[in-house]
Amino acid sequence: MEAVHERVRRLRERSGLSQRDAERESGLSQSTWSRIESGARQPSAIEIVAIADAIGATVGEVTGTSHVRTEAVSAARADGEAVEAMLEELTSYLELSDHLDRQGFGSAA
């Protein structure tokens, strides 16, 4: 299974951005990108969202939890532009929630 740092690097490169470009797009420093991509440190939840936005990826693509999108599509069962926008936003939240659960930050019931 591909590690988060490997996915971040691959997705950034796929987007055609250098680390400097990604710095401008995300607000994260180039040294932060370098440490994340080398595996020297794990990105925080806020950084994951910034990374995903900067490189045009979903949180699930960055974290490796994209199975959530498939489940959300099944739940939506409707067509239309408004539903697609809702699905994108919902998917991002669910993927982030799933990632946080996997990291031990599950919600308290």
N, C-alpha and C. Protein backbone atom coordinates (compact mmCIF):
# COMPACT_ATOMS: atom_id res chain seq x y z
N MET A 1 0.84 -1.18 0.00
CA MET A 1 0.00 0.00 0.00
C MET A 1 0.89 1.25 0.00
N GLU A 2 0.53 2.19 -0.84
CA GLU A 2 1.31 3.42 -0.98
C GLU A 2 1.13 4.30 0.27
N ALA A 3 2.22 4.80 0.81
CA ALA A 3 2.18 5.65 2.00
C ALA A 3 1.71 7.06 1.61
N VAL A 4 1.22 7.81 2.61
CA VAL A 4 0.71 9.16 2.37
C VAL A 4 1.77 10.02 1.70
N HIS A 5 3.01 9.97 2.18
CA HIS A 5 4.04 10.84 1.61
C HIS A 5 4.29 10.51 0.13
N GLU A 6 4.20 9.24 -0.22
CA GLU A 6 4.37 8.85 -1.62
C GLU A 6 3.21 9.34 -2.48
N ARG A 7 1.99 9.24 -1.92
CA ARG A 7 0.81 9.72 -2.65
C ARG A 7 0.88 11.23 -2.86
N VAL A 8 1.28 11.97 -1.82
CA VAL A 8 1.38 13.43 -1.93
C VAL A 8 2.33 13.80 -3.07
N ARG A 9 3.49 13.17 -3.08
CA ARG A 9 4.48 13.47 -4.13
C ARG A 9 3.93 13.11 -5.51
N ARG A 10 3.35 11.92 -5.64
CA ARG A 10 2.83 11.47 -6.93
C ARG A 10 1.71 12.38 -7.42
N LEU A 11 0.79 12.73 -6.54
CA LEU A 11 -0.33 13.59 -6.92
C LEU A 11 0.14 15.00 -7.26
N ARG A 12 1.11 15.52 -6.51
CA ARG A 12 1.65 16.86 -6.84
C ARG A 12 2.29 16.84 -8.20
N GLU A 13 3.11 15.82 -8.46
CA GLU A 13 3.78 15.71 -9.76
C GLU A 13 2.75 15.54 -10.88
N ARG A 14 1.71 14.74 -10.63
CA ARG A 14 0.65 14.55 -11.63
C ARG A 14 -0.04 15.87 -11.96
N SER A 15 -0.16 16.74 -10.96
CA SER A 15 -0.81 18.03 -11.18
C SER A 15 0.08 19.01 -11.93
N GLY A 16 1.36 18.66 -12.09
CA GLY A 16 2.29 19.52 -12.81
C GLY A 16 2.87 20.64 -11.98
N LEU A 17 2.71 20.57 -10.66
CA LEU A 17 3.21 21.62 -9.78
C LEU A 17 4.56 21.22 -9.19
N SER A 18 5.44 22.20 -9.10
CA SER A 18 6.67 22.02 -8.34
C SER A 18 6.32 22.22 -6.87
N GLN A 19 7.25 21.95 -5.97
CA GLN A 19 7.00 22.22 -4.56
C GLN A 19 6.80 23.71 -4.33
N ARG A 20 7.51 24.54 -5.06
CA ARG A 20 7.34 26.00 -4.94
C ARG A 20 5.95 26.42 -5.40
N ASP A 21 5.48 25.85 -6.53
CA ASP A 21 4.12 26.14 -7.00
C ASP A 21 3.11 25.69 -5.95
N ALA A 22 3.31 24.50 -5.40
CA ALA A 22 2.40 23.96 -4.38
C ALA A 22 2.40 24.84 -3.13
N GLU A 23 3.56 25.41 -2.82
CA GLU A 23 3.66 26.33 -1.68
C GLU A 23 2.72 27.52 -1.90
N ARG A 24 2.76 28.10 -3.09
CA ARG A 24 1.90 29.25 -3.39
C ARG A 24 0.41 28.87 -3.38
N GLU A 25 0.10 27.70 -3.89
CA GLU A 25 -1.30 27.27 -3.98
C GLU A 25 -1.89 26.88 -2.62
N SER A 26 -1.06 26.34 -1.74
CA SER A 26 -1.56 25.78 -0.48
C SER A 26 -1.35 26.66 0.74
N GLY A 27 -0.35 27.53 0.69
CA GLY A 27 0.00 28.30 1.87
C GLY A 27 0.94 27.55 2.80
N LEU A 28 1.28 26.30 2.44
CA LEU A 28 2.26 25.53 3.21
C LEU A 28 3.65 25.82 2.65
N SER A 29 4.63 25.94 3.50
CA SER A 29 5.98 26.26 3.04
C SER A 29 6.57 25.13 2.19
N GLN A 30 7.53 25.49 1.36
CA GLN A 30 8.21 24.49 0.53
C GLN A 30 8.92 23.47 1.42
N SER A 31 9.46 23.91 2.56
CA SER A 31 10.13 22.97 3.46
C SER A 31 9.12 21.99 4.08
N THR A 32 7.91 22.46 4.34
CA THR A 32 6.86 21.56 4.84
C THR A 32 6.53 20.52 3.79
N TRP A 33 6.36 20.95 2.53
CA TRP A 33 6.11 19.99 1.44
C TRP A 33 7.24 18.97 1.36
N SER A 34 8.47 19.45 1.45
CA SER A 34 9.64 18.57 1.36
C SER A 34 9.64 17.53 2.47
N ARG A 35 9.38 17.96 3.71
CA ARG A 35 9.37 17.02 4.85
C ARG A 35 8.22 16.02 4.73
N ILE A 36 7.06 16.48 4.27
CA ILE A 36 5.93 15.57 4.09
C ILE A 36 6.24 14.56 3.00
N GLU A 37 6.73 15.04 1.85
CA GLU A 37 7.00 14.15 0.72
C GLU A 37 8.14 13.17 0.99
N SER A 38 9.06 13.53 1.86
CA SER A 38 10.16 12.62 2.18
C SER A 38 9.76 11.60 3.24
N GLY A 39 8.62 11.83 3.87
CA GLY A 39 8.17 10.93 4.94
C GLY A 39 8.74 11.31 6.29
N ALA A 40 9.41 12.46 6.37
CA ALA A 40 10.00 12.90 7.64
C ALA A 40 8.93 13.30 8.65
N ARG A 41 7.75 13.66 8.15
CA ARG A 41 6.64 14.00 9.04
C ARG A 41 5.32 13.76 8.35
N GLN A 42 4.30 13.47 9.16
CA GLN A 42 2.95 13.25 8.66
C GLN A 42 2.22 14.59 8.58
N PRO A 43 1.43 14.79 7.54
CA PRO A 43 0.66 16.03 7.48
C PRO A 43 -0.50 16.00 8.48
N SER A 44 -0.81 17.17 9.02
CA SER A 44 -1.97 17.29 9.91
C SER A 44 -3.24 17.26 9.06
N ALA A 45 -4.38 17.16 9.70
CA ALA A 45 -5.66 17.16 8.99
C ALA A 45 -5.84 18.44 8.18
N ILE A 46 -5.49 19.57 8.75
CA ILE A 46 -5.61 20.85 8.04
C ILE A 46 -4.67 20.87 6.84
N GLU A 47 -3.47 20.35 7.01
CA GLU A 47 -2.52 20.30 5.89
C GLU A 47 -3.00 19.37 4.79
N ILE A 48 -3.64 18.26 5.15
CA ILE A 48 -4.17 17.34 4.15
C ILE A 48 -5.20 18.04 3.27
N VAL A 49 -6.07 18.81 3.88
CA VAL A 49 -7.08 19.55 3.12
C VAL A 49 -6.40 20.58 2.22
N ALA A 50 -5.41 21.31 2.73
CA ALA A 50 -4.69 22.30 1.93
C ALA A 50 -3.95 21.64 0.77
N ILE A 51 -3.34 20.50 1.02
CA ILE A 51 -2.63 19.76 -0.01
C ILE A 51 -3.60 19.32 -1.11
N ALA A 52 -4.70 18.73 -0.70
CA ALA A 52 -5.70 18.26 -1.67
C ALA A 52 -6.20 19.41 -2.53
N ASP A 53 -6.54 20.52 -1.90
CA ASP A 53 -7.02 21.68 -2.66
C ASP A 53 -5.97 22.20 -3.63
N ALA A 54 -4.73 22.27 -3.18
CA ALA A 54 -3.65 22.83 -4.01
C ALA A 54 -3.37 21.98 -5.24
N ILE A 55 -3.47 20.67 -5.11
CA ILE A 55 -3.09 19.80 -6.23
C ILE A 55 -4.29 19.24 -6.98
N GLY A 56 -5.49 19.72 -6.63
CA GLY A 56 -6.68 19.30 -7.35
C GLY A 56 -7.05 17.85 -7.11
N ALA A 57 -6.83 17.39 -5.89
CA ALA A 57 -7.14 16.00 -5.51
C ALA A 57 -8.18 16.02 -4.40
N THR A 58 -8.73 14.87 -4.11
CA THR A 58 -9.63 14.76 -2.96
C THR A 58 -8.81 14.37 -1.74
N VAL A 59 -9.39 14.59 -0.58
CA VAL A 59 -8.75 14.15 0.66
C VAL A 59 -8.51 12.65 0.61
N GLY A 60 -9.46 11.92 0.06
CA GLY A 60 -9.34 10.47 -0.06
C GLY A 60 -8.18 10.04 -0.93
N GLU A 61 -7.93 10.78 -2.02
CA GLU A 61 -6.78 10.45 -2.86
C GLU A 61 -5.48 10.68 -2.10
N VAL A 62 -5.44 11.74 -1.30
CA VAL A 62 -4.22 12.04 -0.53
C VAL A 62 -4.01 11.01 0.58
N THR A 63 -5.09 10.63 1.26
CA THR A 63 -4.95 9.72 2.41
C THR A 63 -5.08 8.25 2.05
N GLY A 64 -5.59 7.96 0.85
CA GLY A 64 -5.79 6.57 0.46
C GLY A 64 -7.09 5.99 0.95
N THR A 65 -8.08 6.85 1.23
CA THR A 65 -9.37 6.38 1.74
C THR A 65 -10.50 6.66 0.77
N SER A 66 -10.25 6.57 -0.53
CA SER A 66 -11.24 6.97 -1.52
C SER A 66 -12.44 6.05 -1.60
N HIS A 67 -12.46 4.94 -0.87
CA HIS A 67 -13.63 4.06 -0.86
C HIS A 67 -14.87 4.79 -0.37
N VAL A 68 -14.69 5.87 0.38
CA VAL A 68 -15.81 6.63 0.91
C VAL A 68 -16.63 7.24 -0.24
N ARG A 69 -15.97 7.67 -1.31
CA ARG A 69 -16.68 8.26 -2.44
C ARG A 69 -17.66 7.26 -3.04
N THR A 70 -17.25 6.03 -3.20
CA THR A 70 -18.13 5.00 -3.75
C THR A 70 -19.37 4.83 -2.87
N GLU A 71 -19.16 4.84 -1.57
CA GLU A 71 -20.29 4.71 -0.65
C GLU A 71 -21.21 5.92 -0.73
N ALA A 72 -20.66 7.12 -0.87
CA ALA A 72 -21.47 8.33 -0.97
C ALA A 72 -22.27 8.34 -2.27
N VAL A 73 -21.70 7.89 -3.36
CA VAL A 73 -22.42 7.82 -4.63
C VAL A 73 -23.61 6.91 -4.49
N SER A 74 -23.43 5.79 -3.87
CA SER A 74 -24.54 4.86 -3.67
C SER A 74 -25.64 5.48 -2.82
N ALA A 75 -25.26 6.29 -1.85
CA ALA A 75 -26.25 6.91 -0.96
C ALA A 75 -27.00 8.04 -1.65
N ALA A 76 -26.37 8.76 -2.56
CA ALA A 76 -26.99 9.93 -3.20
C ALA A 76 -28.16 9.53 -4.08
N ARG A 77 -27.96 8.59 -4.99
CA ARG A 77 -29.02 8.07 -5.88
C ARG A 77 -29.85 9.17 -6.53
N ALA A 78 -29.20 10.20 -7.00
CA ALA A 78 -29.90 11.27 -7.71
C ALA A 78 -28.96 11.88 -8.73
N ASP A 79 -29.53 12.62 -9.66
CA ASP A 79 -28.73 13.26 -10.71
C ASP A 79 -28.82 14.76 -10.56
N GLY A 80 -27.97 15.45 -11.29
CA GLY A 80 -28.04 16.90 -11.32
C GLY A 80 -26.79 17.56 -10.79
N GLU A 81 -26.61 18.79 -11.24
CA GLU A 81 -25.42 19.56 -10.88
C GLU A 81 -25.36 19.86 -9.38
N ALA A 82 -26.49 20.18 -8.77
CA ALA A 82 -26.51 20.48 -7.34
C ALA A 82 -26.12 19.25 -6.52
N VAL A 83 -26.60 18.10 -6.95
CA VAL A 83 -26.27 16.87 -6.23
C VAL A 83 -24.78 16.57 -6.37
N GLU A 84 -24.23 16.82 -7.56
CA GLU A 84 -22.80 16.57 -7.77
C GLU A 84 -21.96 17.47 -6.86
N ALA A 85 -22.33 18.73 -6.73
CA ALA A 85 -21.60 19.65 -5.84
C ALA A 85 -21.71 19.18 -4.39
N MET A 86 -22.92 18.77 -3.99
CA MET A 86 -23.11 18.27 -2.63
C MET A 86 -22.28 17.02 -2.40
N LEU A 87 -22.26 16.15 -3.39
CA LEU A 87 -21.51 14.91 -3.28
C LEU A 87 -20.02 15.18 -3.11
N GLU A 88 -19.48 16.14 -3.86
CA GLU A 88 -18.06 16.49 -3.73
C GLU A 88 -17.74 16.97 -2.32
N GLU A 89 -18.56 17.86 -1.79
CA GLU A 89 -18.31 18.39 -0.46
C GLU A 89 -18.48 17.30 0.60
N LEU A 90 -19.54 16.53 0.50
CA LEU A 90 -19.77 15.45 1.44
C LEU A 90 -18.64 14.43 1.41
N THR A 91 -18.18 14.10 0.22
CA THR A 91 -17.09 13.13 0.08
C THR A 91 -15.84 13.63 0.79
N SER A 92 -15.51 14.90 0.62
CA SER A 92 -14.33 15.46 1.27
C SER A 92 -14.43 15.33 2.79
N TYR A 93 -15.58 15.68 3.34
CA TYR A 93 -15.77 15.57 4.79
C TYR A 93 -15.69 14.12 5.27
N LEU A 94 -16.34 13.23 4.53
CA LEU A 94 -16.33 11.82 4.94
C LEU A 94 -14.93 11.22 4.84
N GLU A 95 -14.20 11.59 3.79
CA GLU A 95 -12.83 11.08 3.65
C GLU A 95 -11.93 11.59 4.77
N LEU A 96 -12.08 12.86 5.12
CA LEU A 96 -11.29 13.40 6.22
C LEU A 96 -11.66 12.72 7.53
N SER A 97 -12.95 12.51 7.75
CA SER A 97 -13.40 11.82 8.96
C SER A 97 -12.82 10.40 9.03
N ASP A 98 -12.87 9.70 7.90
CA ASP A 98 -12.33 8.35 7.85
C ASP A 98 -10.84 8.35 8.14
N HIS A 99 -10.12 9.30 7.57
CA HIS A 99 -8.67 9.39 7.81
C HIS A 99 -8.38 9.65 9.29
N LEU A 100 -9.13 10.58 9.88
CA LEU A 100 -8.92 10.89 11.29
C LEU A 100 -9.22 9.68 12.17
N ASP A 101 -10.28 8.93 11.82
CA ASP A 101 -10.59 7.70 12.56
C ASP A 101 -9.43 6.73 12.49
N ARG A 102 -8.85 6.57 11.30
CA ARG A 102 -7.72 5.65 11.12
C ARG A 102 -6.48 6.09 11.89
N GLN A 103 -6.37 7.39 12.14
CA GLN A 103 -5.24 7.92 12.87
C GLN A 103 -5.49 7.95 14.39
N GLY A 104 -6.67 7.46 14.80
CA GLY A 104 -6.98 7.41 16.23
C GLY A 104 -7.65 8.64 16.77
N PHE A 105 -8.19 9.49 15.88
CA PHE A 105 -8.88 10.71 16.31
C PHE A 105 -10.39 10.57 16.13
N GLY A 106 -10.93 9.41 16.39
CA GLY A 106 -12.37 9.16 16.21
C GLY A 106 -13.19 10.07 17.10
N SER A 107 -14.43 10.32 16.67
CA SER A 107 -15.30 11.19 17.46
C SER A 107 -15.75 10.47 18.73
N ALA A 108 -15.96 11.23 19.75
CA ALA A 108 -16.45 10.67 21.01
C ALA A 108 -17.96 10.55 20.93
N ALA A 109 -18.47 9.41 21.28
CA ALA A 109 -19.93 9.20 21.19
C ALA A 109 -20.61 9.55 22.49
